[in-house]
Amino acid sequence: MTISAIIITKNEERNIGRCLASLDGIADEVIVVDSGSSDRTGEICREYGAIFVFHKWDGYSEQKNYANGLAHCEWILSIDADEALSPTLRDSMLRLKKEEARLDTVYRMNRLTNYCGRFVRHCGWYPDSKIRLWPTGKAHWEGVVHEELVFDGSPRFATLHGDLLHYSYYSITEHAERQNHYAMLAAKKMHASGHRVNTLTIALKSSWTFVRDFYLRLGMLDGFTGYTICRFNAHYTFMKYSRLRELNRADKK
């Protein structure tokens, strides 16, 4: 079983070294497709022996599909620059590499997010199951905001033991800035699909998001970190639908 690790980057010098170190002994090749970093991302990747390729940004799905097309190995491991394999997940993958892996199977990994220095196990953030390992040429990415894998045929699904560690946000300011970006992308996607929204819906949906994540999904057990995340989740819902409302109103002008 040979594995091509695929990573897309732009200005990821604070994360990429940790990611690449976790792939040592797991990936038979590491391919990094970069969209124009101005920091030390490229230098760090070359220090770890990764294949570093520039490709103009063309959207998340398009960038990942281009990167997948460069793979030479039997299997693709898709990993983000701000992620890393936990020791337990590494052990699971090492055992898998020694087996006769079935080419009709794709593998999920539970993602555990680190928020401002603390791992979060509630708020609806864990287990954040992601399909990240599949036979080369058997899937492609689709979507604009939260890209999804589309498979050829109907594969079997299995979950590897261990966590994919996700170092998402280093500060609340960073969270706010990135959230606004994704809210606009989500609003544009809904607008293109013909969705409409009113004031009552915006109020109810954003309020429900906080109640669901803080109380029902036990965000309260993560303390102030959980409270912060749940407030941000509710704000994201508010911004997404508020911007959709703006787009709908602009159509009438």
C-alpha atoms as a PDB file:
ATOM      1  CA  MET A   1       0.000   0.000   0.000  1.00  0.00           C
ATOM      2  CA  THR A   2       1.610   3.249  -1.150  1.00  0.00           C
ATOM      3  CA  ILE A   3       0.216   6.631  -0.138  1.00  0.00           C
ATOM      4  CA  SER A   4       0.440  10.075  -1.727  1.00  0.00           C
ATOM      5  CA  ALA A   5      -0.220  12.799   0.860  1.00  0.00           C
ATOM      6  CA  ILE A   6      -1.860  15.803  -0.802  1.00  0.00           C
ATOM      7  CA  ILE A   7      -1.798  19.294   0.745  1.00  0.00           C
ATOM      8  CA  ILE A   8      -2.845  22.688  -0.606  1.00  0.00           C
ATOM      9  CA  THR A   9      -1.233  25.770   0.920  1.00  0.00           C
ATOM     10  CA  LYS A  10      -0.858  29.515   1.009  1.00  0.00           C
ATOM     11  CA  ASN A  11       1.233  31.162   3.740  1.00  0.00           C
ATOM     12  CA  GLU A  12       1.174  28.183   6.104  1.00  0.00           C
ATOM     13  CA  GLU A  13       4.628  28.471   7.676  1.00  0.00           C
ATOM     14  CA  ARG A  14       3.217  28.244  11.216  1.00  0.00           C
ATOM     15  CA  ASN A  15       1.451  24.943  10.472  1.00  0.00           C
ATOM     16  CA  ILE A  16       3.093  23.058   7.630  1.00  0.00           C
ATOM     17  CA  GLY A  17       6.114  21.743   9.538  1.00  0.00           C
ATOM     18  CA  ARG A  18       3.917  20.023  12.142  1.00  0.00           C
ATOM     19  CA  CYS A  19       1.764  18.523   9.383  1.00  0.00           C
ATOM     20  CA  LEU A  20       4.722  17.189   7.395  1.00  0.00           C
ATOM     21  CA  ALA A  21       6.445  15.770  10.474  1.00  0.00           C
ATOM     22  CA  SER A  22       3.337  13.713  11.283  1.00  0.00           C
ATOM     23  CA  LEU A  23       3.441  12.160   7.792  1.00  0.00           C
ATOM     24  CA  ASP A  24       6.941  10.748   8.212  1.00  0.00           C
ATOM     25  CA  GLY A  25       6.842   6.990   7.645  1.00  0.00           C
ATOM     26  CA  ILE A  26       3.226   7.167   6.469  1.00  0.00           C
ATOM     27  CA  ALA A  27       3.346   8.956   3.102  1.00  0.00           C
ATOM     28  CA  ASP A  28       5.464   7.541   0.285  1.00  0.00           C
ATOM     29  CA  GLU A  29       5.308  10.931  -1.386  1.00  0.00           C
ATOM     30  CA  VAL A  30       4.074  14.338  -0.239  1.00  0.00           C
ATOM     31  CA  ILE A  31       2.714  16.750  -2.839  1.00  0.00           C
ATOM     32  CA  VAL A  32       2.112  20.357  -1.805  1.00  0.00           C
ATOM     33  CA  VAL A  33       0.236  22.594  -4.249  1.00  0.00           C
ATOM     34  CA  ASP A  34       0.731  26.231  -3.302  1.00  0.00           C
ATOM     35  CA  SER A  35      -1.229  29.219  -4.592  1.00  0.00           C
ATOM     36  CA  GLY A  36       1.405  31.886  -4.024  1.00  0.00           C
ATOM     37  CA  SER A  37       2.871  31.891  -0.521  1.00  0.00           C
ATOM     38  CA  SER A  38       5.010  34.881   0.463  1.00  0.00           C
ATOM     39  CA  ASP A  39       6.326  33.316   3.682  1.00  0.00           C
ATOM     40  CA  ARG A  40       8.571  30.291   4.359  1.00  0.00           C
ATOM     41  CA  THR A  41       5.991  27.668   3.351  1.00  0.00           C
ATOM     42  CA  GLY A  42       7.944  26.535   0.291  1.00  0.00           C
ATOM     43  CA  GLU A  43      11.258  26.445   2.108  1.00  0.00           C
ATOM     44  CA  ILE A  44       9.844  24.317   4.917  1.00  0.00           C
ATOM     45  CA  CYS A  45       8.195  21.904   2.482  1.00  0.00           C
ATOM     46  CA  ARG A  46      11.460  21.382   0.603  1.00  0.00           C
ATOM     47  CA  GLU A  47      13.305  20.798   3.896  1.00  0.00           C
ATOM     48  CA  TYR A  48      10.930  17.886   4.531  1.00  0.00           C
ATOM     49  CA  GLY A  49      11.434  16.528   1.005  1.00  0.00           C
ATOM     50  CA  ALA A  50       7.947  17.381  -0.254  1.00  0.00           C
ATOM     51  CA  ILE A  51       7.188  18.023  -3.921  1.00  0.00           C
ATOM     52  CA  PHE A  52       6.287  21.721  -3.987  1.00  0.00           C
ATOM     53  CA  VAL A  53       4.246  22.946  -6.959  1.00  0.00           C
ATOM     54  CA  PHE A  54       2.758  26.363  -7.711  1.00  0.00           C
ATOM     55  CA  HIS A  55      -0.770  26.502  -9.123  1.00  0.00           C
ATOM     56  CA  LYS A  56      -2.862  29.639  -9.410  1.00  0.00           C
ATOM     57  CA  TRP A  57      -5.820  29.624  -7.011  1.00  0.00           C
ATOM     58  CA  ASP A  58      -8.912  28.320  -8.736  1.00  0.00           C
ATOM     59  CA  GLY A  59     -11.211  27.490  -5.810  1.00  0.00           C
ATOM     60  CA  TYR A  60     -10.985  24.844  -3.091  1.00  0.00           C
ATOM     61  CA  SER A  61     -12.366  21.934  -5.090  1.00  0.00           C
ATOM     62  CA  GLU A  62     -10.444  22.784  -8.248  1.00  0.00           C
ATOM     63  CA  GLN A  63      -7.177  23.219  -6.336  1.00  0.00           C
ATOM     64  CA  LYS A  64      -7.540  19.887  -4.566  1.00  0.00           C
ATOM     65  CA  ASN A  65      -8.531  18.071  -7.755  1.00  0.00           C
ATOM     66  CA  TYR A  66      -5.462  19.474  -9.514  1.00  0.00           C
ATOM     67  CA  ALA A  67      -3.275  18.309  -6.637  1.00  0.00           C
ATOM     68  CA  ASN A  68      -4.831  14.836  -6.652  1.00  0.00           C
ATOM     69  CA  GLY A  69      -4.027  14.564 -10.340  1.00  0.00           C
ATOM     70  CA  LEU A  70      -0.307  14.765  -9.508  1.00  0.00           C
ATOM     71  CA  ALA A  71      -0.366  11.683  -7.257  1.00  0.00           C
ATOM     72  CA  HIS A  72       1.699   8.640  -8.269  1.00  0.00           C
ATOM     73  CA  CYS A  73       0.780   6.254  -5.466  1.00  0.00           C
ATOM     74  CA  GLU A  74      -2.078   3.768  -5.090  1.00  0.00           C
ATOM     75  CA  TRP A  75      -3.851   5.748  -2.361  1.00  0.00           C
ATOM     76  CA  ILE A  76      -4.475   9.426  -1.666  1.00  0.00           C
ATOM     77  CA  LEU A  77      -4.318  10.889   1.830  1.00  0.00           C
ATOM     78  CA  SER A  78      -5.859  14.357   1.760  1.00  0.00           C
ATOM     79  CA  ILE A  79      -4.710  16.507   4.663  1.00  0.00           C
ATOM     80  CA  ASP A  80      -4.845  20.240   5.327  1.00  0.00           C
ATOM     81  CA  ALA A  81      -1.761  22.224   6.278  1.00  0.00           C
ATOM     82  CA  ASP A  82      -3.260  23.003   9.712  1.00  0.00           C
ATOM     83  CA  GLU A  83      -3.857  19.314  10.457  1.00  0.00           C
ATOM     84  CA  ALA A  84      -1.591  16.549  11.747  1.00  0.00           C
ATOM     85  CA  LEU A  85      -1.903  12.828  12.411  1.00  0.00           C
ATOM     86  CA  SER A  86      -2.117  11.973  16.108  1.00  0.00           C
ATOM     87  CA  PRO A  87       0.227   9.190  17.344  1.00  0.00           C
ATOM     88  CA  THR A  88      -2.732   6.811  17.586  1.00  0.00           C
ATOM     89  CA  LEU A  89      -3.875   7.613  14.060  1.00  0.00           C
ATOM     90  CA  ARG A  90      -0.311   7.133  12.801  1.00  0.00           C
ATOM     91  CA  ASP A  91      -0.250   3.668  14.375  1.00  0.00           C
ATOM     92  CA  SER A  92      -3.575   2.823  12.703  1.00  0.00           C
ATOM     93  CA  MET A  93      -2.248   3.880   9.316  1.00  0.00           C
ATOM     94  CA  LEU A  94       1.009   1.995   9.762  1.00  0.00           C
ATOM     95  CA  ARG A  95      -0.974  -1.178  10.477  1.00  0.00           C
ATOM     96  CA  LEU A  96      -3.142  -0.499   7.431  1.00  0.00           C
ATOM     97  CA  LYS A  97      -0.081  -0.094   5.199  1.00  0.00           C
ATOM     98  CA  LYS A  98       1.051  -3.590   6.171  1.00  0.00           C
ATOM     99  CA  GLU A  99      -2.296  -5.131   5.231  1.00  0.00           C
ATOM    100  CA  GLU A 100      -3.886  -5.914   1.891  1.00  0.00           C
ATOM    101  CA  ALA A 101      -6.032  -2.780   1.808  1.00  0.00           C
ATOM    102  CA  ARG A 102      -9.224  -3.271  -0.194  1.00  0.00           C
ATOM    103  CA  LEU A 103      -9.595  -0.968  -3.176  1.00  0.00           C
ATOM    104  CA  ASP A 104     -13.368  -0.799  -2.651  1.00  0.00           C
ATOM    105  CA  THR A 105     -12.942   0.878   0.751  1.00  0.00           C
ATOM    106  CA  VAL A 106     -12.464   4.515   1.779  1.00  0.00           C
ATOM    107  CA  TYR A 107     -11.396   5.581   5.250  1.00  0.00           C
ATOM    108  CA  ARG A 108     -12.777   8.166   7.652  1.00  0.00           C
ATOM    109  CA  MET A 109     -10.859   9.910  10.411  1.00  0.00           C
ATOM    110  CA  ASN A 110     -12.285  11.706  13.431  1.00  0.00           C
ATOM    111  CA  ARG A 111     -11.012  15.284  13.521  1.00  0.00           C
ATOM    112  CA  LEU A 112     -10.223  16.874  16.885  1.00  0.00           C
ATOM    113  CA  THR A 113      -9.942  20.665  16.759  1.00  0.00           C
ATOM    114  CA  ASN A 114      -7.574  22.801  18.788  1.00  0.00           C
ATOM    115  CA  TYR A 115      -9.068  26.242  19.411  1.00  0.00           C
ATOM    116  CA  CYS A 116      -6.712  28.900  20.778  1.00  0.00           C
ATOM    117  CA  GLY A 117      -4.607  26.234  22.509  1.00  0.00           C
ATOM    118  CA  ARG A 118      -7.385  23.940  23.766  1.00  0.00           C
ATOM    119  CA  PHE A 119      -8.802  20.793  22.163  1.00  0.00           C
ATOM    120  CA  VAL A 120     -12.596  20.961  21.864  1.00  0.00           C
ATOM    121  CA  ARG A 121     -14.673  17.802  22.328  1.00  0.00           C
ATOM    122  CA  HIS A 122     -18.169  19.323  22.336  1.00  0.00           C
ATOM    123  CA  CYS A 123     -20.081  22.172  20.613  1.00  0.00           C
ATOM    124  CA  GLY A 124     -20.794  19.811  17.716  1.00  0.00           C
ATOM    125  CA  TRP A 125     -17.107  19.936  16.790  1.00  0.00           C
ATOM    126  CA  TYR A 126     -16.184  16.361  17.744  1.00  0.00           C
ATOM    127  CA  PRO A 127     -16.104  13.777  16.376  1.00  0.00           C
ATOM    128  CA  ASP A 128     -15.889  15.710  13.115  1.00  0.00           C
ATOM    129  CA  SER A 129     -15.633  12.680  10.847  1.00  0.00           C
ATOM    130  CA  LYS A 130     -13.834  13.281   7.532  1.00  0.00           C
ATOM    131  CA  ILE A 131     -13.086  10.949   4.623  1.00  0.00           C
ATOM    132  CA  ARG A 132      -9.391  11.482   3.932  1.00  0.00           C
ATOM    133  CA  LEU A 133      -7.992   8.236   2.518  1.00  0.00           C
ATOM    134  CA  TRP A 134      -9.174   6.622  -0.710  1.00  0.00           C
ATOM    135  CA  PRO A 135      -7.834   4.781  -3.787  1.00  0.00           C
ATOM    136  CA  THR A 136      -6.275   7.125  -6.330  1.00  0.00           C
ATOM    137  CA  GLY A 137      -8.585   8.078  -9.181  1.00  0.00           C
ATOM    138  CA  LYS A 138     -11.746   6.912  -7.417  1.00  0.00           C
ATOM    139  CA  ALA A 139     -13.049  10.290  -6.195  1.00  0.00           C
ATOM    140  CA  HIS A 140     -13.069  14.015  -6.909  1.00  0.00           C
ATOM    141  CA  TRP A 141     -13.973  17.165  -4.986  1.00  0.00           C
ATOM    142  CA  GLU A 142     -17.071  19.269  -5.650  1.00  0.00           C
ATOM    143  CA  GLY A 143     -18.471  22.406  -4.009  1.00  0.00           C
ATOM    144  CA  VAL A 144     -17.489  26.007  -3.311  1.00  0.00           C
ATOM    145  CA  VAL A 145     -17.629  26.591   0.459  1.00  0.00           C
ATOM    146  CA  HIS A 146     -17.442  23.191   2.146  1.00  0.00           C
ATOM    147  CA  GLU A 147     -16.133  20.969  -0.615  1.00  0.00           C
ATOM    148  CA  GLU A 148     -17.251  17.331  -0.618  1.00  0.00           C
ATOM    149  CA  LEU A 149     -15.883  14.143  -2.115  1.00  0.00           C
ATOM    150  CA  VAL A 150     -17.843  12.442  -4.876  1.00  0.00           C
ATOM    151  CA  PHE A 151     -16.948   8.780  -5.402  1.00  0.00           C
ATOM    152  CA  ASP A 152     -17.029   6.537  -8.417  1.00  0.00           C
ATOM    153  CA  GLY A 153     -19.437   3.737  -7.553  1.00  0.00           C
ATOM    154  CA  SER A 154     -20.497   2.839  -4.012  1.00  0.00           C
ATOM    155  CA  PRO A 155     -17.449   2.238  -1.811  1.00  0.00           C
ATOM    156  CA  ARG A 156     -17.351   0.650   1.617  1.00  0.00           C
ATOM    157  CA  PHE A 157     -16.624   3.002   4.519  1.00  0.00           C
ATOM    158  CA  ALA A 158     -14.353   2.327   7.458  1.00  0.00           C
ATOM    159  CA  THR A 159     -13.077   4.499  10.316  1.00  0.00           C
ATOM    160  CA  LEU A 160      -9.463   4.539  11.415  1.00  0.00           C
ATOM    161  CA  HIS A 161      -8.723   4.643  15.137  1.00  0.00           C
ATOM    162  CA  GLY A 162      -7.147   7.867  16.356  1.00  0.00           C
ATOM    163  CA  ASP A 163      -7.661  11.566  15.671  1.00  0.00           C
ATOM    164  CA  LEU A 164      -6.758  13.975  12.929  1.00  0.00           C
ATOM    165  CA  LEU A 165      -5.572  16.959  14.960  1.00  0.00           C
ATOM    166  CA  HIS A 166      -6.852  20.261  13.588  1.00  0.00           C
ATOM    167  CA  TYR A 167      -5.113  23.450  14.702  1.00  0.00           C
ATOM    168  CA  SER A 168      -7.822  25.762  13.471  1.00  0.00           C
ATOM    169  CA  TYR A 169      -7.688  29.148  15.188  1.00  0.00           C
ATOM    170  CA  TYR A 170      -4.895  30.790  17.120  1.00  0.00           C
ATOM    171  CA  SER A 171      -6.936  33.831  18.207  1.00  0.00           C
ATOM    172  CA  ILE A 172     -10.520  35.048  18.447  1.00  0.00           C
ATOM    173  CA  THR A 173      -9.686  37.815  15.952  1.00  0.00           C
ATOM    174  CA  GLU A 174      -8.596  35.233  13.398  1.00  0.00           C
ATOM    175  CA  HIS A 175     -11.823  33.299  13.944  1.00  0.00           C
ATOM    176  CA  ALA A 176     -13.923  36.403  13.333  1.00  0.00           C
ATOM    177  CA  GLU A 177     -12.108  37.302  10.121  1.00  0.00           C
ATOM    178  CA  ARG A 178     -12.306  33.820   8.655  1.00  0.00           C
ATOM    179  CA  GLN A 179     -15.933  33.432   9.702  1.00  0.00           C
ATOM    180  CA  ASN A 180     -16.968  36.558   7.831  1.00  0.00           C
ATOM    181  CA  HIS A 181     -15.274  35.233   4.698  1.00  0.00           C
ATOM    182  CA  TYR A 182     -17.060  31.872   4.855  1.00  0.00           C
ATOM    183  CA  ALA A 183     -20.397  33.489   5.684  1.00  0.00           C
ATOM    184  CA  MET A 184     -20.242  35.494   2.473  1.00  0.00           C
ATOM    185  CA  LEU A 185     -19.303  32.442   0.418  1.00  0.00           C
ATOM    186  CA  ALA A 186     -22.204  30.486   1.938  1.00  0.00           C
ATOM    187  CA  ALA A 187     -24.639  33.352   1.291  1.00  0.00           C
ATOM    188  CA  LYS A 188     -23.583  33.580  -2.360  1.00  0.00           C
ATOM    189  CA  LYS A 189     -24.028  29.840  -2.782  1.00  0.00           C
ATOM    190  CA  MET A 190     -27.544  29.925  -1.285  1.00  0.00           C
ATOM    191  CA  HIS A 191     -28.429  32.976  -3.365  1.00  0.00           C
ATOM    192  CA  ALA A 192     -27.319  31.236  -6.549  1.00  0.00           C
ATOM    193  CA  SER A 193     -29.590  28.319  -5.607  1.00  0.00           C
ATOM    194  CA  GLY A 194     -32.608  30.611  -5.214  1.00  0.00           C
ATOM    195  CA  HIS A 195     -32.885  30.605  -1.420  1.00  0.00           C
ATOM    196  CA  ARG A 196     -34.771  33.430   0.263  1.00  0.00           C
ATOM    197  CA  VAL A 197     -34.973  34.472   3.902  1.00  0.00           C
ATOM    198  CA  ASN A 198     -36.852  36.899   6.146  1.00  0.00           C
ATOM    199  CA  THR A 199     -36.111  38.647   9.446  1.00  0.00           C
ATOM    200  CA  LEU A 200     -37.937  36.117  11.628  1.00  0.00           C
ATOM    201  CA  THR A 201     -36.060  33.212  10.049  1.00  0.00           C
ATOM    202  CA  ILE A 202     -32.724  34.919  10.661  1.00  0.00           C
ATOM    203  CA  ALA A 203     -33.558  35.521  14.327  1.00  0.00           C
ATOM    204  CA  LEU A 204     -34.838  31.990  14.924  1.00  0.00           C
ATOM    205  CA  LYS A 205     -32.011  30.216  13.119  1.00  0.00           C
ATOM    206  CA  SER A 206     -29.228  32.151  14.848  1.00  0.00           C
ATOM    207  CA  SER A 207     -30.832  31.741  18.299  1.00  0.00           C
ATOM    208  CA  TRP A 208     -31.400  28.036  17.730  1.00  0.00           C
ATOM    209  CA  THR A 209     -27.754  27.561  16.704  1.00  0.00           C
ATOM    210  CA  PHE A 210     -26.547  28.788  20.100  1.00  0.00           C
ATOM    211  CA  VAL A 211     -29.096  26.738  22.079  1.00  0.00           C
ATOM    212  CA  ARG A 212     -28.285  23.587  20.081  1.00  0.00           C
ATOM    213  CA  ASP A 213     -24.506  23.865  20.338  1.00  0.00           C
ATOM    214  CA  PHE A 214     -24.159  25.191  23.902  1.00  0.00           C
ATOM    215  CA  TYR A 215     -26.835  23.094  25.613  1.00  0.00           C
ATOM    216  CA  LEU A 216     -27.773  20.109  23.447  1.00  0.00           C
ATOM    217  CA  ARG A 217     -24.273  19.523  22.086  1.00  0.00           C
ATOM    218  CA  LEU A 218     -22.771  20.223  25.527  1.00  0.00           C
ATOM    219  CA  GLY A 219     -20.604  23.177  24.545  1.00  0.00           C
ATOM    220  CA  MET A 220     -20.915  24.271  28.178  1.00  0.00           C
ATOM    221  CA  LEU A 221     -18.564  21.431  29.135  1.00  0.00           C
ATOM    222  CA  ASP A 222     -15.760  23.176  27.249  1.00  0.00           C
ATOM    223  CA  GLY A 223     -16.021  26.188  29.561  1.00  0.00           C
ATOM    224  CA  PHE A 224     -15.374  29.670  28.226  1.00  0.00           C
ATOM    225  CA  THR A 225     -13.871  28.181  25.072  1.00  0.00           C
ATOM    226  CA  GLY A 226     -17.135  26.356  24.440  1.00  0.00           C
ATOM    227  CA  TYR A 227     -19.158  29.488  25.113  1.00  0.00           C
ATOM    228  CA  THR A 228     -16.993  31.471  22.696  1.00  0.00           C
ATOM    229  CA  ILE A 229     -17.339  28.881  19.944  1.00  0.00           C
ATOM    230  CA  CYS A 230     -21.115  28.619  20.362  1.00  0.00           C
ATOM    231  CA  ARG A 231     -21.463  32.400  20.209  1.00  0.00           C
ATOM    232  CA  PHE A 232     -19.394  32.425  17.035  1.00  0.00           C
ATOM    233  CA  ASN A 233     -21.478  29.590  15.566  1.00  0.00           C
ATOM    234  CA  ALA A 234     -24.643  31.609  16.186  1.00  0.00           C
ATOM    235  CA  HIS A 235     -23.041  34.741  14.736  1.00  0.00           C
ATOM    236  CA  TYR A 236     -21.997  32.811  11.631  1.00  0.00           C
ATOM    237  CA  THR A 237     -25.600  31.728  11.108  1.00  0.00           C
ATOM    238  CA  PHE A 238     -26.753  35.321  11.587  1.00  0.00           C
ATOM    239  CA  MET A 239     -24.192  36.704   9.133  1.00  0.00           C
ATOM    240  CA  LYS A 240     -24.810  34.030   6.527  1.00  0.00           C
ATOM    241  CA  TYR A 241     -28.559  34.635   6.360  1.00  0.00           C
ATOM    242  CA  SER A 242     -28.252  38.407   6.775  1.00  0.00           C
ATOM    243  CA  ARG A 243     -25.981  38.566   3.763  1.00  0.00           C
ATOM    244  CA  LEU A 244     -28.340  36.318   1.848  1.00  0.00           C
ATOM    245  CA  ARG A 245     -31.091  38.816   2.674  1.00  0.00           C
ATOM    246  CA  GLU A 246     -28.896  41.631   1.313  1.00  0.00           C
ATOM    247  CA  LEU A 247     -28.319  39.736  -1.914  1.00  0.00           C
ATOM    248  CA  ASN A 248     -32.052  39.060  -2.278  1.00  0.00           C
ATOM    249  CA  ARG A 249     -32.885  42.738  -1.728  1.00  0.00           C
ATOM    250  CA  ALA A 250     -30.262  43.780  -4.295  1.00  0.00           C
ATOM    251  CA  ASP A 251     -32.092  41.663  -6.877  1.00  0.00           C
ATOM    252  CA  LYS A 252     -35.130  43.926  -6.547  1.00  0.00           C
ATOM    253  CA  LYS A 253     -33.240  47.126  -7.327  1.00  0.00           C
END
